[in-house]
């Protein structure tokens, strides 16, 4: 499946029990010898009452991460298209929370991304106290960032133009910066007007991708807290546009965008040892 060029393999673990250790994920992610994807999504039976499905997210390097805005839209679309959804609204269990999705009449998927976490300990970011901006020492000098968690950590840098932003240089350096103990996704945001921004995102464990849903939400939160953006913002990414709505602190962020199936297939996976 793909959402604005961010591509996924969605594995049905509701009607089967696949064995997917990290090495199997890495093999499937190989775009020449496997299938190829930015992330693999595993749809499983929910562990909590009130949820329709649980999903887990694996990066192409085999690491498991907490949340993916483009991925959850693809998962919702997959469940609807497969006849596994009870209706237009779904409650999807992710790491630590329930995410609500809504299939819109035009086929796009709206997602309740939850309220952003801004306290350093919840991001997590090594900082004495919460601040509107933090300064990071890098090989290109000190960089001012906003730090937001949308279920996964994000550093957002304001740039004059995303086309010339040093994504390839600063992205991997900030991703592994010692002040982010779990690593961080890095967004480079250009404000066009109060209701529109342009964004490039270097994703943790993946690299730069055409689109990042949680990154779009984090960028809008950062821009709103700086007083530079309206409540509803069109976020233009390399792969297309998402619409993000955030009324303000303590409120949930809603993100709306497309998701579609590219192809379906079957693949042989090695079983656990002894099977």
C-alpha atoms as a PDB file:
ATOM      1  CA  UNK A   1       0.000   0.000   0.000  1.00  0.00           C
ATOM      2  CA  UNK A   2       1.042   3.620  -0.308  1.00  0.00           C
ATOM      3  CA  UNK A   3       0.070   6.928   1.225  1.00  0.00           C
ATOM      4  CA  UNK A   4       1.532   9.936  -0.571  1.00  0.00           C
ATOM      5  CA  UNK A   5       4.425   7.800  -1.770  1.00  0.00           C
ATOM      6  CA  UNK A   6       5.237   6.452   1.713  1.00  0.00           C
ATOM      7  CA  UNK A   7       5.011   2.716   0.988  1.00  0.00           C
ATOM      8  CA  UNK A   8       4.050  -0.161   3.250  1.00  0.00           C
ATOM      9  CA  UNK A   9       3.590  -3.883   3.293  1.00  0.00           C
ATOM     10  CA  UNK A  10       0.499  -4.684   5.372  1.00  0.00           C
ATOM     11  CA  UNK A  11       0.548  -8.218   6.778  1.00  0.00           C
ATOM     12  CA  UNK A  12      -2.757  -9.812   7.813  1.00  0.00           C
ATOM     13  CA  UNK A  13      -2.106 -11.408  11.208  1.00  0.00           C
ATOM     14  CA  UNK A  14      -5.820 -11.546  12.018  1.00  0.00           C
ATOM     15  CA  UNK A  15      -6.478 -14.669   9.929  1.00  0.00           C
ATOM     16  CA  UNK A  16      -2.987 -16.185  10.115  1.00  0.00           C
ATOM     17  CA  UNK A  17       0.017 -16.172  12.472  1.00  0.00           C
ATOM     18  CA  UNK A  18       3.134 -15.039  10.598  1.00  0.00           C
ATOM     19  CA  UNK A  19       6.582 -15.273  12.187  1.00  0.00           C
ATOM     20  CA  UNK A  20       8.350 -11.944  11.604  1.00  0.00           C
ATOM     21  CA  UNK A  21      11.643 -11.546  13.474  1.00  0.00           C
ATOM     22  CA  UNK A  22      13.820  -8.544  12.612  1.00  0.00           C
ATOM     23  CA  UNK A  23      15.854 -10.464  10.041  1.00  0.00           C
ATOM     24  CA  UNK A  24      12.684 -11.469   8.167  1.00  0.00           C
ATOM     25  CA  UNK A  25      11.523  -7.833   8.098  1.00  0.00           C
ATOM     26  CA  UNK A  26      14.896  -6.706   6.737  1.00  0.00           C
ATOM     27  CA  UNK A  27      14.776  -9.404   4.024  1.00  0.00           C
ATOM     28  CA  UNK A  28      11.270  -8.364   2.942  1.00  0.00           C
ATOM     29  CA  UNK A  29      12.344  -4.708   2.902  1.00  0.00           C
ATOM     30  CA  UNK A  30      15.095  -5.322   0.344  1.00  0.00           C
ATOM     31  CA  UNK A  31      13.817  -3.651  -2.831  1.00  0.00           C
ATOM     32  CA  UNK A  32      15.871  -5.938  -5.087  1.00  0.00           C
ATOM     33  CA  UNK A  33      15.694  -9.288  -3.306  1.00  0.00           C
ATOM     34  CA  UNK A  34      12.463  -8.875  -1.330  1.00  0.00           C
ATOM     35  CA  UNK A  35       9.334  -6.753  -1.753  1.00  0.00           C
ATOM     36  CA  UNK A  36      10.566  -3.367  -0.591  1.00  0.00           C
ATOM     37  CA  UNK A  37       8.875  -0.861   1.720  1.00  0.00           C
ATOM     38  CA  UNK A  38       9.466   2.029   4.084  1.00  0.00           C
ATOM     39  CA  UNK A  39       7.649   0.214   6.871  1.00  0.00           C
ATOM     40  CA  UNK A  40       5.844  -3.063   7.493  1.00  0.00           C
ATOM     41  CA  UNK A  41       2.488  -2.998   9.289  1.00  0.00           C
ATOM     42  CA  UNK A  42       1.213  -6.021  11.190  1.00  0.00           C
ATOM     43  CA  UNK A  43      -2.564  -6.176  11.760  1.00  0.00           C
ATOM     44  CA  UNK A  44      -3.256  -8.312  14.861  1.00  0.00           C
ATOM     45  CA  UNK A  45      -6.206  -9.085  17.151  1.00  0.00           C
ATOM     46  CA  UNK A  46      -6.590  -6.336  19.772  1.00  0.00           C
ATOM     47  CA  UNK A  47      -5.343  -6.812  23.319  1.00  0.00           C
ATOM     48  CA  UNK A  48      -7.738  -4.214  24.794  1.00  0.00           C
ATOM     49  CA  UNK A  49     -11.527  -4.207  24.933  1.00  0.00           C
ATOM     50  CA  UNK A  50     -13.042  -1.539  22.737  1.00  0.00           C
ATOM     51  CA  UNK A  51     -10.404  -1.773  20.019  1.00  0.00           C
ATOM     52  CA  UNK A  52     -11.200  -3.316  16.626  1.00  0.00           C
ATOM     53  CA  UNK A  53      -7.608  -4.242  15.752  1.00  0.00           C
ATOM     54  CA  UNK A  54      -4.049  -3.840  16.989  1.00  0.00           C
ATOM     55  CA  UNK A  55      -1.203  -2.829  14.711  1.00  0.00           C
ATOM     56  CA  UNK A  56       2.557  -2.903  15.021  1.00  0.00           C
ATOM     57  CA  UNK A  57       5.018  -0.962  12.862  1.00  0.00           C
ATOM     58  CA  UNK A  58       8.460  -2.134  11.745  1.00  0.00           C
ATOM     59  CA  UNK A  59      11.005   0.009   9.927  1.00  0.00           C
ATOM     60  CA  UNK A  60      12.921  -1.350   6.965  1.00  0.00           C
ATOM     61  CA  UNK A  61      15.904  -2.000   9.284  1.00  0.00           C
ATOM     62  CA  UNK A  62      13.779  -4.348  11.427  1.00  0.00           C
ATOM     63  CA  UNK A  63      13.335  -1.953  14.356  1.00  0.00           C
ATOM     64  CA  UNK A  64       9.859  -1.548  15.841  1.00  0.00           C
ATOM     65  CA  UNK A  65       8.449   1.968  16.296  1.00  0.00           C
ATOM     66  CA  UNK A  66       5.479   3.447  18.098  1.00  0.00           C
ATOM     67  CA  UNK A  67       3.250   5.183  15.563  1.00  0.00           C
ATOM     68  CA  UNK A  68       2.929   6.091  11.886  1.00  0.00           C
ATOM     69  CA  UNK A  69       0.292   8.486  10.580  1.00  0.00           C
ATOM     70  CA  UNK A  70       0.488   7.346   6.952  1.00  0.00           C
ATOM     71  CA  UNK A  71       0.610   3.734   8.081  1.00  0.00           C
ATOM     72  CA  UNK A  72      -2.516   3.908  10.216  1.00  0.00           C
ATOM     73  CA  UNK A  73      -4.437   5.346   7.241  1.00  0.00           C
ATOM     74  CA  UNK A  74      -3.244   2.434   5.098  1.00  0.00           C
ATOM     75  CA  UNK A  75      -4.228  -0.040   7.794  1.00  0.00           C
ATOM     76  CA  UNK A  76      -7.732   1.464   8.043  1.00  0.00           C
ATOM     77  CA  UNK A  77      -8.098   1.361   4.242  1.00  0.00           C
ATOM     78  CA  UNK A  78      -6.897  -2.275   4.224  1.00  0.00           C
ATOM     79  CA  UNK A  79      -9.456  -3.305   6.853  1.00  0.00           C
ATOM     80  CA  UNK A  80     -12.301  -1.569   4.995  1.00  0.00           C
ATOM     81  CA  UNK A  81     -11.291  -3.026   1.622  1.00  0.00           C
ATOM     82  CA  UNK A  82     -10.899  -6.519   3.126  1.00  0.00           C
ATOM     83  CA  UNK A  83     -14.367  -6.490   4.718  1.00  0.00           C
ATOM     84  CA  UNK A  84     -12.858  -6.594   8.211  1.00  0.00           C
ATOM     85  CA  UNK A  85     -14.089  -3.172   9.349  1.00  0.00           C
ATOM     86  CA  UNK A  86     -17.378  -2.968  11.299  1.00  0.00           C
ATOM     87  CA  UNK A  87     -18.207   0.424   9.767  1.00  0.00           C
ATOM     88  CA  UNK A  88     -16.697   3.739   8.611  1.00  0.00           C
ATOM     89  CA  UNK A  89     -15.163   4.322  12.043  1.00  0.00           C
ATOM     90  CA  UNK A  90     -12.441   2.118  13.518  1.00  0.00           C
ATOM     91  CA  UNK A  91     -10.668   2.014  16.858  1.00  0.00           C
ATOM     92  CA  UNK A  92      -7.095   0.881  16.264  1.00  0.00           C
ATOM     93  CA  UNK A  93      -4.812  -0.092  19.123  1.00  0.00           C
ATOM     94  CA  UNK A  94      -1.252   1.216  18.856  1.00  0.00           C
ATOM     95  CA  UNK A  95       1.549   1.260  21.401  1.00  0.00           C
ATOM     96  CA  UNK A  96       0.014   2.807  24.503  1.00  0.00           C
ATOM     97  CA  UNK A  97      -3.176   4.278  23.011  1.00  0.00           C
ATOM     98  CA  UNK A  98      -6.304   3.789  20.908  1.00  0.00           C
ATOM     99  CA  UNK A  99      -6.377   5.635  17.569  1.00  0.00           C
ATOM    100  CA  UNK A 100      -9.742   6.439  15.963  1.00  0.00           C
ATOM    101  CA  UNK A 101     -10.004   6.522  12.169  1.00  0.00           C
ATOM    102  CA  UNK A 102     -12.877   7.576   9.925  1.00  0.00           C
ATOM    103  CA  UNK A 103     -13.389   6.677   6.262  1.00  0.00           C
ATOM    104  CA  UNK A 104     -14.620   9.807   4.503  1.00  0.00           C
ATOM    105  CA  UNK A 105     -17.163   9.883   1.656  1.00  0.00           C
ATOM    106  CA  UNK A 106     -14.407  10.802  -0.837  1.00  0.00           C
ATOM    107  CA  UNK A 107     -12.351   7.743   0.147  1.00  0.00           C
ATOM    108  CA  UNK A 108      -9.771   9.637   2.190  1.00  0.00           C
ATOM    109  CA  UNK A 109      -9.045   8.556   5.750  1.00  0.00           C
ATOM    110  CA  UNK A 110      -9.167  10.911   8.745  1.00  0.00           C
ATOM    111  CA  UNK A 111      -7.178   9.921  11.828  1.00  0.00           C
ATOM    112  CA  UNK A 112      -7.371  11.134  15.422  1.00  0.00           C
ATOM    113  CA  UNK A 113      -3.638  11.333  16.158  1.00  0.00           C
ATOM    114  CA  UNK A 114      -4.186  12.214  19.832  1.00  0.00           C
ATOM    115  CA  UNK A 115      -2.878  15.180  21.773  1.00  0.00           C
ATOM    116  CA  UNK A 116       0.809  15.967  21.252  1.00  0.00           C
ATOM    117  CA  UNK A 117       3.233  15.414  24.126  1.00  0.00           C
ATOM    118  CA  UNK A 118       5.400  18.472  24.748  1.00  0.00           C
ATOM    119  CA  UNK A 119       7.136  17.736  28.045  1.00  0.00           C
ATOM    120  CA  UNK A 120      10.759  16.670  27.454  1.00  0.00           C
ATOM    121  CA  UNK A 121      10.440  13.465  29.466  1.00  0.00           C
ATOM    122  CA  UNK A 122       7.531  12.270  27.328  1.00  0.00           C
ATOM    123  CA  UNK A 123       9.191  12.943  23.949  1.00  0.00           C
ATOM    124  CA  UNK A 124      11.846  11.849  25.184  1.00  0.00           C
ATOM    125  CA  UNK A 125      14.379  14.700  25.030  1.00  0.00           C
ATOM    126  CA  UNK A 126      17.155  15.409  27.480  1.00  0.00           C
ATOM    127  CA  UNK A 127      16.266  18.901  28.719  1.00  0.00           C
ATOM    128  CA  UNK A 128      15.840  20.462  32.147  1.00  0.00           C
ATOM    129  CA  UNK A 129      12.401  21.874  31.374  1.00  0.00           C
ATOM    130  CA  UNK A 130       9.916  22.412  28.582  1.00  0.00           C
ATOM    131  CA  UNK A 131      10.736  25.229  26.172  1.00  0.00           C
ATOM    132  CA  UNK A 132       9.254  26.651  22.983  1.00  0.00           C
ATOM    133  CA  UNK A 133      12.581  25.941  21.266  1.00  0.00           C
ATOM    134  CA  UNK A 134      15.726  24.002  22.073  1.00  0.00           C
ATOM    135  CA  UNK A 135      19.252  24.444  20.734  1.00  0.00           C
ATOM    136  CA  UNK A 136      21.232  21.443  19.508  1.00  0.00           C
ATOM    137  CA  UNK A 137      24.954  21.420  18.824  1.00  0.00           C
ATOM    138  CA  UNK A 138      25.627  19.974  15.350  1.00  0.00           C
ATOM    139  CA  UNK A 139      28.466  19.869  12.813  1.00  0.00           C
ATOM    140  CA  UNK A 140      26.721  22.828  11.117  1.00  0.00           C
ATOM    141  CA  UNK A 141      26.625  24.873  14.293  1.00  0.00           C
ATOM    142  CA  UNK A 142      23.797  25.246  16.787  1.00  0.00           C
ATOM    143  CA  UNK A 143      20.352  24.471  15.384  1.00  0.00           C
ATOM    144  CA  UNK A 144      17.103  25.687  16.922  1.00  0.00           C
ATOM    145  CA  UNK A 145      14.376  23.041  16.991  1.00  0.00           C
ATOM    146  CA  UNK A 146      10.918  22.455  18.391  1.00  0.00           C
ATOM    147  CA  UNK A 147      10.412  19.016  19.975  1.00  0.00           C
ATOM    148  CA  UNK A 148       7.074  17.190  19.851  1.00  0.00           C
ATOM    149  CA  UNK A 149       5.919  13.618  20.353  1.00  0.00           C
ATOM    150  CA  UNK A 150       2.999  12.372  18.280  1.00  0.00           C
ATOM    151  CA  UNK A 151       3.389   8.891  19.769  1.00  0.00           C
ATOM    152  CA  UNK A 152       6.909   9.005  18.310  1.00  0.00           C
ATOM    153  CA  UNK A 153       9.538  11.742  18.748  1.00  0.00           C
ATOM    154  CA  UNK A 154       9.996  14.627  16.299  1.00  0.00           C
ATOM    155  CA  UNK A 155      12.441  17.513  16.010  1.00  0.00           C
ATOM    156  CA  UNK A 156      11.156  20.332  13.780  1.00  0.00           C
ATOM    157  CA  UNK A 157      13.496  22.890  12.193  1.00  0.00           C
ATOM    158  CA  UNK A 158      12.203  26.029  10.483  1.00  0.00           C
ATOM    159  CA  UNK A 159      13.921  26.628   7.119  1.00  0.00           C
ATOM    160  CA  UNK A 160      13.618  29.321   4.474  1.00  0.00           C
ATOM    161  CA  UNK A 161      13.154  26.795   1.657  1.00  0.00           C
ATOM    162  CA  UNK A 162      12.745  23.028   1.895  1.00  0.00           C
ATOM    163  CA  UNK A 163      14.230  22.575  -1.589  1.00  0.00           C
ATOM    164  CA  UNK A 164      17.645  23.668  -0.326  1.00  0.00           C
ATOM    165  CA  UNK A 165      17.368  22.454   3.288  1.00  0.00           C
ATOM    166  CA  UNK A 166      20.326  20.273   4.459  1.00  0.00           C
ATOM    167  CA  UNK A 167      18.156  17.192   4.947  1.00  0.00           C
ATOM    168  CA  UNK A 168      20.830  14.672   3.921  1.00  0.00           C
ATOM    169  CA  UNK A 169      23.415  16.262   6.228  1.00  0.00           C
ATOM    170  CA  UNK A 170      21.445  17.256   9.343  1.00  0.00           C
ATOM    171  CA  UNK A 171      18.765  14.542   9.145  1.00  0.00           C
ATOM    172  CA  UNK A 172      20.947  11.572  10.161  1.00  0.00           C
ATOM    173  CA  UNK A 173      22.988  13.663  12.596  1.00  0.00           C
ATOM    174  CA  UNK A 174      19.957  14.930  14.552  1.00  0.00           C
ATOM    175  CA  UNK A 175      18.251  11.516  14.284  1.00  0.00           C
ATOM    176  CA  UNK A 176      21.057  10.081  16.434  1.00  0.00           C
ATOM    177  CA  UNK A 177      21.700  13.162  18.579  1.00  0.00           C
ATOM    178  CA  UNK A 178      22.550  12.202  22.184  1.00  0.00           C
ATOM    179  CA  UNK A 179      19.841  14.496  23.529  1.00  0.00           C
ATOM    180  CA  UNK A 180      17.230  12.145  22.006  1.00  0.00           C
ATOM    181  CA  UNK A 181      17.764   8.819  23.821  1.00  0.00           C
ATOM    182  CA  UNK A 182      15.368   6.910  21.527  1.00  0.00           C
ATOM    183  CA  UNK A 183      16.419   8.723  18.360  1.00  0.00           C
ATOM    184  CA  UNK A 184      14.161  11.212  16.602  1.00  0.00           C
ATOM    185  CA  UNK A 185      12.395  11.962  13.313  1.00  0.00           C
ATOM    186  CA  UNK A 186      13.611  15.233  11.834  1.00  0.00           C
ATOM    187  CA  UNK A 187      11.286  17.647  10.010  1.00  0.00           C
ATOM    188  CA  UNK A 188      12.379  20.613   7.879  1.00  0.00           C
ATOM    189  CA  UNK A 189       9.453  23.072   7.675  1.00  0.00           C
ATOM    190  CA  UNK A 190       8.967  26.011   5.326  1.00  0.00           C
ATOM    191  CA  UNK A 191       6.022  28.292   6.161  1.00  0.00           C
ATOM    192  CA  UNK A 192       4.289  29.498   2.998  1.00  0.00           C
ATOM    193  CA  UNK A 193       1.322  31.190   4.698  1.00  0.00           C
ATOM    194  CA  UNK A 194      -0.708  30.686   7.865  1.00  0.00           C
ATOM    195  CA  UNK A 195      -2.716  27.856   6.328  1.00  0.00           C
ATOM    196  CA  UNK A 196       0.035  26.177   4.282  1.00  0.00           C
ATOM    197  CA  UNK A 197       3.515  24.783   4.888  1.00  0.00           C
ATOM    198  CA  UNK A 198       6.011  22.701   2.922  1.00  0.00           C
ATOM    199  CA  UNK A 199       7.782  19.859   4.711  1.00  0.00           C
ATOM    200  CA  UNK A 200      10.519  17.282   4.257  1.00  0.00           C
ATOM    201  CA  UNK A 201      11.055  14.583   6.882  1.00  0.00           C
ATOM    202  CA  UNK A 202      14.059  12.392   7.639  1.00  0.00           C
ATOM    203  CA  UNK A 203      12.485   9.403   9.380  1.00  0.00           C
ATOM    204  CA  UNK A 204      14.213   7.526  12.174  1.00  0.00           C
ATOM    205  CA  UNK A 205      15.482   4.157  10.944  1.00  0.00           C
ATOM    206  CA  UNK A 206      14.333   4.825   7.366  1.00  0.00           C
ATOM    207  CA  UNK A 207      15.826   8.041   5.948  1.00  0.00           C
ATOM    208  CA  UNK A 208      14.000  10.722   3.972  1.00  0.00           C
ATOM    209  CA  UNK A 209      10.571   9.561   2.798  1.00  0.00           C
ATOM    210  CA  UNK A 210       8.028  11.189   0.446  1.00  0.00           C
ATOM    211  CA  UNK A 211       5.578  11.688   3.315  1.00  0.00           C
ATOM    212  CA  UNK A 212       5.335  11.330   7.084  1.00  0.00           C
ATOM    213  CA  UNK A 213       1.959  11.695   8.787  1.00  0.00           C
ATOM    214  CA  UNK A 214       3.209  12.116  12.347  1.00  0.00           C
ATOM    215  CA  UNK A 215       5.865  14.504  11.000  1.00  0.00           C
ATOM    216  CA  UNK A 216       3.158  16.632   9.374  1.00  0.00           C
ATOM    217  CA  UNK A 217       1.252  16.760  12.664  1.00  0.00           C
ATOM    218  CA  UNK A 218       4.383  17.626  14.656  1.00  0.00           C
ATOM    219  CA  UNK A 219       5.255  20.439  12.239  1.00  0.00           C
ATOM    220  CA  UNK A 220       1.780  21.975  12.549  1.00  0.00           C
ATOM    221  CA  UNK A 221       1.928  21.732  16.352  1.00  0.00           C
ATOM    222  CA  UNK A 222       5.337  23.430  16.347  1.00  0.00           C
ATOM    223  CA  UNK A 223       4.108  26.167  14.031  1.00  0.00           C
ATOM    224  CA  UNK A 224       0.931  26.725  16.051  1.00  0.00           C
ATOM    225  CA  UNK A 225       2.875  26.992  19.322  1.00  0.00           C
ATOM    226  CA  UNK A 226       5.135  29.585  17.684  1.00  0.00           C
ATOM    227  CA  UNK A 227       2.035  31.596  16.659  1.00  0.00           C
ATOM    228  CA  UNK A 228       2.793  31.196  12.944  1.00  0.00           C
ATOM    229  CA  UNK A 229      -0.015  28.868  11.761  1.00  0.00           C
ATOM    230  CA  UNK A 230      -3.817  28.611  11.795  1.00  0.00           C
ATOM    231  CA  UNK A 231      -5.760  25.694  13.275  1.00  0.00           C
ATOM    232  CA  UNK A 232      -6.167  23.978   9.889  1.00  0.00           C
ATOM    233  CA  UNK A 233      -3.089  23.670   7.689  1.00  0.00           C
ATOM    234  CA  UNK A 234      -2.367  22.071   4.323  1.00  0.00           C
ATOM    235  CA  UNK A 235       0.971  20.289   4.640  1.00  0.00           C
ATOM    236  CA  UNK A 236       2.701  19.862   1.282  1.00  0.00           C
ATOM    237  CA  UNK A 237       5.112  16.926   1.298  1.00  0.00           C
ATOM    238  CA  UNK A 238       7.156  15.499  -1.549  1.00  0.00           C
ATOM    239  CA  UNK A 239       4.514  12.801  -2.109  1.00  0.00           C
ATOM    240  CA  UNK A 240       1.411  14.999  -1.825  1.00  0.00           C
ATOM    241  CA  UNK A 241      -0.703  16.998   0.621  1.00  0.00           C
ATOM    242  CA  UNK A 242      -2.165  16.200   4.042  1.00  0.00           C
ATOM    243  CA  UNK A 243      -4.639  18.375   5.930  1.00  0.00           C
ATOM    244  CA  UNK A 244      -3.868  18.724   9.641  1.00  0.00           C
ATOM    245  CA  UNK A 245      -6.226  20.313  12.185  1.00  0.00           C
ATOM    246  CA  UNK A 246      -5.160  21.177  15.745  1.00  0.00           C
ATOM    247  CA  UNK A 247      -7.291  23.517  17.895  1.00  0.00           C
ATOM    248  CA  UNK A 248      -4.577  23.907  20.551  1.00  0.00           C
ATOM    249  CA  UNK A 249      -3.019  22.475  23.708  1.00  0.00           C
ATOM    250  CA  UNK A 250      -4.800  19.577  25.353  1.00  0.00           C
ATOM    251  CA  UNK A 251      -6.732  18.827  22.154  1.00  0.00           C
ATOM    252  CA  UNK A 252      -6.282  16.023  19.644  1.00  0.00           C
ATOM    253  CA  UNK A 253      -4.641  16.498  16.264  1.00  0.00           C
ATOM    254  CA  UNK A 254      -6.705  15.276  13.289  1.00  0.00           C
ATOM    255  CA  UNK A 255      -4.993  14.368  10.021  1.00  0.00           C
ATOM    256  CA  UNK A 256      -6.760  13.620   6.726  1.00  0.00           C
ATOM    257  CA  UNK A 257      -5.222  12.144   3.601  1.00  0.00           C
ATOM    258  CA  UNK A 258      -5.311   9.358   1.000  1.00  0.00           C
ATOM    259  CA  UNK A 259      -4.267   5.705   1.220  1.00  0.00           C
ATOM    260  CA  UNK A 260      -4.484   3.037  -1.467  1.00  0.00           C
ATOM    261  CA  UNK A 261      -3.631  -0.564  -2.252  1.00  0.00           C
ATOM    262  CA  UNK A 262      -0.993  -1.043  -4.949  1.00  0.00           C
ATOM    263  CA  UNK A 263      -1.048  -4.853  -5.119  1.00  0.00           C
ATOM    264  CA  UNK A 264      -1.844  -7.967  -3.101  1.00  0.00           C
ATOM    265  CA  UNK A 265       0.222 -11.137  -2.947  1.00  0.00           C
ATOM    266  CA  UNK A 266       1.613 -13.990  -0.899  1.00  0.00           C
ATOM    267  CA  UNK A 267       5.136 -14.554   0.361  1.00  0.00           C
ATOM    268  CA  UNK A 268       6.786 -17.526   2.088  1.00  0.00           C
ATOM    269  CA  UNK A 269       8.176 -16.724   5.534  1.00  0.00           C
ATOM    270  CA  UNK A 270      10.528 -18.942   7.545  1.00  0.00           C
ATOM    271  CA  UNK A 271       8.853 -20.449  10.607  1.00  0.00           C
ATOM    272  CA  UNK A 272      10.169 -20.280  14.187  1.00  0.00           C
ATOM    273  CA  UNK A 273      13.027 -22.610  15.111  1.00  0.00           C
ATOM    274  CA  UNK A 274      11.876 -26.201  15.254  1.00  0.00           C
ATOM    275  CA  UNK A 275       8.892 -25.655  12.944  1.00  0.00           C
END
